[in-house]
């Protein structure tokens, strides 16, 4: 899965932001199900190859923690949240929720580094072939880590 979008931050403060976002996500998924208990195995394949327009909201707040070694720069810690929802609920229902904590360092030379850790829940429901009894429900939950650097 990959996507691109735009964040509109209309709630902006000294150490916090919040707003709405829109994005297009391309989801390419194949689920192959089979039962090894039956002689030759009974199986089915469901594929999803969709571009899903999503709308959502996001927010994050940072608290200044002070200098982290004078040569390296300022250290900030805080929390973030982001939820995206697919806008085609009758065809392909998609929900993505991420919550967690972040830590960022801003140096005097405008080098910016951040680390995030959090919980992510993602749900996909596809019922295009519901008449033939083929419906896909997929849920993914887990802890994620990410690191980013910008100049």
C-alpha atoms as a PDB file:
ATOM      1  CA  UNK A   1       0.000   0.000   0.000  1.00  0.00           C
ATOM      2  CA  UNK A   2       1.172   3.529  -0.699  1.00  0.00           C
ATOM      3  CA  UNK A   3      -0.484   6.900  -0.998  1.00  0.00           C
ATOM      4  CA  UNK A   4      -0.183  10.644  -1.239  1.00  0.00           C
ATOM      5  CA  UNK A   5      -2.234  13.453   0.207  1.00  0.00           C
ATOM      6  CA  UNK A   6      -2.420  16.885   1.750  1.00  0.00           C
ATOM      7  CA  UNK A   7      -2.624  17.967   5.400  1.00  0.00           C
ATOM      8  CA  UNK A   8      -4.520  21.171   6.187  1.00  0.00           C
ATOM      9  CA  UNK A   9      -3.421  22.372   9.641  1.00  0.00           C
ATOM     10  CA  UNK A  10      -5.985  24.981  10.684  1.00  0.00           C
ATOM     11  CA  UNK A  11      -5.403  24.597  14.449  1.00  0.00           C
ATOM     12  CA  UNK A  12      -1.854  25.820  14.943  1.00  0.00           C
ATOM     13  CA  UNK A  13      -0.242  26.836  18.211  1.00  0.00           C
ATOM     14  CA  UNK A  14       3.303  27.222  19.492  1.00  0.00           C
ATOM     15  CA  UNK A  15       3.685  23.539  20.327  1.00  0.00           C
ATOM     16  CA  UNK A  16       0.649  21.837  18.801  1.00  0.00           C
ATOM     17  CA  UNK A  17      -1.122  21.398  15.467  1.00  0.00           C
ATOM     18  CA  UNK A  18      -4.379  19.844  14.342  1.00  0.00           C
ATOM     19  CA  UNK A  19      -6.447  19.668  11.239  1.00  0.00           C
ATOM     20  CA  UNK A  20      -7.925  17.619   8.450  1.00  0.00           C
ATOM     21  CA  UNK A  21      -6.308  15.681   5.643  1.00  0.00           C
ATOM     22  CA  UNK A  22      -7.234  14.043   2.386  1.00  0.00           C
ATOM     23  CA  UNK A  23      -5.297  11.342   0.593  1.00  0.00           C
ATOM     24  CA  UNK A  24      -5.417   8.745  -2.139  1.00  0.00           C
ATOM     25  CA  UNK A  25      -4.222   5.299  -1.090  1.00  0.00           C
ATOM     26  CA  UNK A  26      -3.439   2.524  -3.515  1.00  0.00           C
ATOM     27  CA  UNK A  27      -4.084  -0.881  -1.944  1.00  0.00           C
ATOM     28  CA  UNK A  28      -2.926  -4.060  -3.689  1.00  0.00           C
ATOM     29  CA  UNK A  29      -3.828  -7.105  -1.604  1.00  0.00           C
ATOM     30  CA  UNK A  30      -4.276 -10.799  -2.362  1.00  0.00           C
ATOM     31  CA  UNK A  31      -5.637 -13.209   0.237  1.00  0.00           C
ATOM     32  CA  UNK A  32      -5.264 -16.906  -0.531  1.00  0.00           C
ATOM     33  CA  UNK A  33      -7.270 -19.149   1.792  1.00  0.00           C
ATOM     34  CA  UNK A  34      -7.181 -22.927   1.785  1.00  0.00           C
ATOM     35  CA  UNK A  35      -8.042 -25.850   4.000  1.00  0.00           C
ATOM     36  CA  UNK A  36      -5.385 -28.559   4.207  1.00  0.00           C
ATOM     37  CA  UNK A  37      -7.817 -30.929   5.955  1.00  0.00           C
ATOM     38  CA  UNK A  38      -9.753 -31.685   2.765  1.00  0.00           C
ATOM     39  CA  UNK A  39      -8.110 -34.171   0.328  1.00  0.00           C
ATOM     40  CA  UNK A  40      -6.622 -31.910  -2.360  1.00  0.00           C
ATOM     41  CA  UNK A  41      -7.346 -28.807  -0.309  1.00  0.00           C
ATOM     42  CA  UNK A  42     -10.286 -26.477  -0.696  1.00  0.00           C
ATOM     43  CA  UNK A  43      -9.290 -22.896  -1.344  1.00  0.00           C
ATOM     44  CA  UNK A  44     -10.221 -19.496  -2.658  1.00  0.00           C
ATOM     45  CA  UNK A  45      -8.447 -16.306  -3.662  1.00  0.00           C
ATOM     46  CA  UNK A  46      -9.715 -12.776  -3.066  1.00  0.00           C
ATOM     47  CA  UNK A  47      -7.819  -9.869  -4.593  1.00  0.00           C
ATOM     48  CA  UNK A  48      -8.159  -6.152  -3.959  1.00  0.00           C
ATOM     49  CA  UNK A  49      -6.513  -3.683  -6.339  1.00  0.00           C
ATOM     50  CA  UNK A  50      -8.073  -0.318  -5.492  1.00  0.00           C
ATOM     51  CA  UNK A  51      -7.347   3.401  -5.292  1.00  0.00           C
ATOM     52  CA  UNK A  52      -9.177   4.545  -2.162  1.00  0.00           C
ATOM     53  CA  UNK A  53      -9.876   8.241  -1.487  1.00  0.00           C
ATOM     54  CA  UNK A  54      -9.647   8.914   2.261  1.00  0.00           C
ATOM     55  CA  UNK A  55     -10.549  11.779   4.562  1.00  0.00           C
ATOM     56  CA  UNK A  56      -9.382  12.126   8.129  1.00  0.00           C
ATOM     57  CA  UNK A  57      -8.157  14.203  11.037  1.00  0.00           C
ATOM     58  CA  UNK A  58      -4.825  14.541  12.799  1.00  0.00           C
ATOM     59  CA  UNK A  59      -3.359  16.254  15.853  1.00  0.00           C
ATOM     60  CA  UNK A  60      -0.058  16.428  17.649  1.00  0.00           C
ATOM     61  CA  UNK A  61       1.298  18.266  20.668  1.00  0.00           C
ATOM     62  CA  UNK A  62       4.899  18.764  21.742  1.00  0.00           C
ATOM     63  CA  UNK A  63       6.351  19.855  25.055  1.00  0.00           C
ATOM     64  CA  UNK A  64       9.802  21.424  25.118  1.00  0.00           C
ATOM     65  CA  UNK A  65      12.080  19.252  27.229  1.00  0.00           C
ATOM     66  CA  UNK A  66      15.086  21.586  27.106  1.00  0.00           C
ATOM     67  CA  UNK A  67      18.547  21.390  25.623  1.00  0.00           C
ATOM     68  CA  UNK A  68      19.882  17.969  24.764  1.00  0.00           C
ATOM     69  CA  UNK A  69      23.614  18.603  24.856  1.00  0.00           C
ATOM     70  CA  UNK A  70      24.364  22.206  23.872  1.00  0.00           C
ATOM     71  CA  UNK A  71      26.008  21.241  20.573  1.00  0.00           C
ATOM     72  CA  UNK A  72      23.050  19.156  19.330  1.00  0.00           C
ATOM     73  CA  UNK A  73      20.010  21.321  19.956  1.00  0.00           C
ATOM     74  CA  UNK A  74      16.535  21.297  21.442  1.00  0.00           C
ATOM     75  CA  UNK A  75      14.669  18.182  22.496  1.00  0.00           C
ATOM     76  CA  UNK A  76      10.861  17.996  22.355  1.00  0.00           C
ATOM     77  CA  UNK A  77       8.494  15.188  23.374  1.00  0.00           C
ATOM     78  CA  UNK A  78       4.798  14.756  22.866  1.00  0.00           C
ATOM     79  CA  UNK A  79       1.891  12.782  21.474  1.00  0.00           C
ATOM     80  CA  UNK A  80       0.206  12.400  18.093  1.00  0.00           C
ATOM     81  CA  UNK A  81      -2.959  10.906  16.635  1.00  0.00           C
ATOM     82  CA  UNK A  82      -4.185  10.343  13.090  1.00  0.00           C
ATOM     83  CA  UNK A  83      -7.315   8.687  11.699  1.00  0.00           C
ATOM     84  CA  UNK A  84      -8.180   8.137   8.012  1.00  0.00           C
ATOM     85  CA  UNK A  85     -11.450   6.795   6.651  1.00  0.00           C
ATOM     86  CA  UNK A  86     -12.188   5.614   3.099  1.00  0.00           C
ATOM     87  CA  UNK A  87     -15.033   7.580   1.507  1.00  0.00           C
ATOM     88  CA  UNK A  88     -16.497   4.614  -0.450  1.00  0.00           C
ATOM     89  CA  UNK A  89     -18.113   2.691   2.432  1.00  0.00           C
ATOM     90  CA  UNK A  90     -20.545   0.769   0.200  1.00  0.00           C
ATOM     91  CA  UNK A  91     -17.771  -0.717  -1.923  1.00  0.00           C
ATOM     92  CA  UNK A  92     -14.491  -0.794  -0.013  1.00  0.00           C
ATOM     93  CA  UNK A  93     -14.497   0.229   3.629  1.00  0.00           C
ATOM     94  CA  UNK A  94     -11.084   1.316   4.926  1.00  0.00           C
ATOM     95  CA  UNK A  95     -10.113   2.706   8.360  1.00  0.00           C
ATOM     96  CA  UNK A  96      -6.612   3.533   9.612  1.00  0.00           C
ATOM     97  CA  UNK A  97      -5.976   4.761  13.172  1.00  0.00           C
ATOM     98  CA  UNK A  98      -2.558   5.607  14.645  1.00  0.00           C
ATOM     99  CA  UNK A  99      -1.834   6.919  18.172  1.00  0.00           C
ATOM    100  CA  UNK A 100       1.462   7.303  19.948  1.00  0.00           C
ATOM    101  CA  UNK A 101       4.377   9.286  21.330  1.00  0.00           C
ATOM    102  CA  UNK A 102       7.084  11.185  19.498  1.00  0.00           C
ATOM    103  CA  UNK A 103      10.486  12.614  20.330  1.00  0.00           C
ATOM    104  CA  UNK A 104      12.188  15.187  18.114  1.00  0.00           C
ATOM    105  CA  UNK A 105      15.515  17.003  18.026  1.00  0.00           C
ATOM    106  CA  UNK A 106      16.005  20.348  16.268  1.00  0.00           C
ATOM    107  CA  UNK A 107      19.627  21.391  15.922  1.00  0.00           C
ATOM    108  CA  UNK A 108      20.997  24.908  15.526  1.00  0.00           C
ATOM    109  CA  UNK A 109      21.727  24.211  11.841  1.00  0.00           C
ATOM    110  CA  UNK A 110      18.042  23.361  11.156  1.00  0.00           C
ATOM    111  CA  UNK A 111      18.622  19.629  10.996  1.00  0.00           C
ATOM    112  CA  UNK A 112      15.461  17.962  12.237  1.00  0.00           C
ATOM    113  CA  UNK A 113      15.192  14.346  13.453  1.00  0.00           C
ATOM    114  CA  UNK A 114      12.211  12.603  14.980  1.00  0.00           C
ATOM    115  CA  UNK A 115      11.323   9.191  16.328  1.00  0.00           C
ATOM    116  CA  UNK A 116       7.814   7.820  16.790  1.00  0.00           C
ATOM    117  CA  UNK A 117       6.408   4.822  18.600  1.00  0.00           C
ATOM    118  CA  UNK A 118       2.722   4.004  18.717  1.00  0.00           C
ATOM    119  CA  UNK A 119      -0.209   1.705  18.127  1.00  0.00           C
ATOM    120  CA  UNK A 120      -1.829   1.271  14.714  1.00  0.00           C
ATOM    121  CA  UNK A 121      -5.171  -0.309  13.818  1.00  0.00           C
ATOM    122  CA  UNK A 122      -6.128  -0.863  10.198  1.00  0.00           C
ATOM    123  CA  UNK A 123      -9.378  -2.417   8.919  1.00  0.00           C
ATOM    124  CA  UNK A 124     -10.378  -3.324   5.368  1.00  0.00           C
ATOM    125  CA  UNK A 125     -13.780  -4.643   4.333  1.00  0.00           C
ATOM    126  CA  UNK A 126     -14.455  -5.528   0.693  1.00  0.00           C
ATOM    127  CA  UNK A 127     -17.812  -6.976  -0.377  1.00  0.00           C
ATOM    128  CA  UNK A 128     -17.729  -6.573  -4.153  1.00  0.00           C
ATOM    129  CA  UNK A 129     -18.248 -10.328  -4.593  1.00  0.00           C
ATOM    130  CA  UNK A 130     -20.730 -10.685  -1.724  1.00  0.00           C
ATOM    131  CA  UNK A 131     -23.361 -12.359  -3.933  1.00  0.00           C
ATOM    132  CA  UNK A 132     -21.022 -15.309  -4.527  1.00  0.00           C
ATOM    133  CA  UNK A 133     -20.197 -15.465  -0.804  1.00  0.00           C
ATOM    134  CA  UNK A 134     -16.703 -13.970  -1.157  1.00  0.00           C
ATOM    135  CA  UNK A 135     -16.231 -11.166   1.341  1.00  0.00           C
ATOM    136  CA  UNK A 136     -12.854  -9.941   2.607  1.00  0.00           C
ATOM    137  CA  UNK A 137     -12.453  -8.674   6.173  1.00  0.00           C
ATOM    138  CA  UNK A 138      -8.899  -7.913   7.205  1.00  0.00           C
ATOM    139  CA  UNK A 139      -7.740  -6.314  10.457  1.00  0.00           C
ATOM    140  CA  UNK A 140      -4.169  -5.461  11.326  1.00  0.00           C
ATOM    141  CA  UNK A 141      -3.145  -4.257  14.785  1.00  0.00           C
ATOM    142  CA  UNK A 142       0.285  -3.641  16.171  1.00  0.00           C
ATOM    143  CA  UNK A 143       3.014  -1.456  17.555  1.00  0.00           C
ATOM    144  CA  UNK A 144       5.069   0.571  15.108  1.00  0.00           C
ATOM    145  CA  UNK A 145       8.366   2.481  15.222  1.00  0.00           C
ATOM    146  CA  UNK A 146       9.501   5.142  12.776  1.00  0.00           C
ATOM    147  CA  UNK A 147      12.490   7.447  12.415  1.00  0.00           C
ATOM    148  CA  UNK A 148      12.765  10.493  10.150  1.00  0.00           C
ATOM    149  CA  UNK A 149      15.394  13.106   9.317  1.00  0.00           C
ATOM    150  CA  UNK A 150      14.928  16.378   7.366  1.00  0.00           C
ATOM    151  CA  UNK A 151      17.054  19.416   6.614  1.00  0.00           C
END
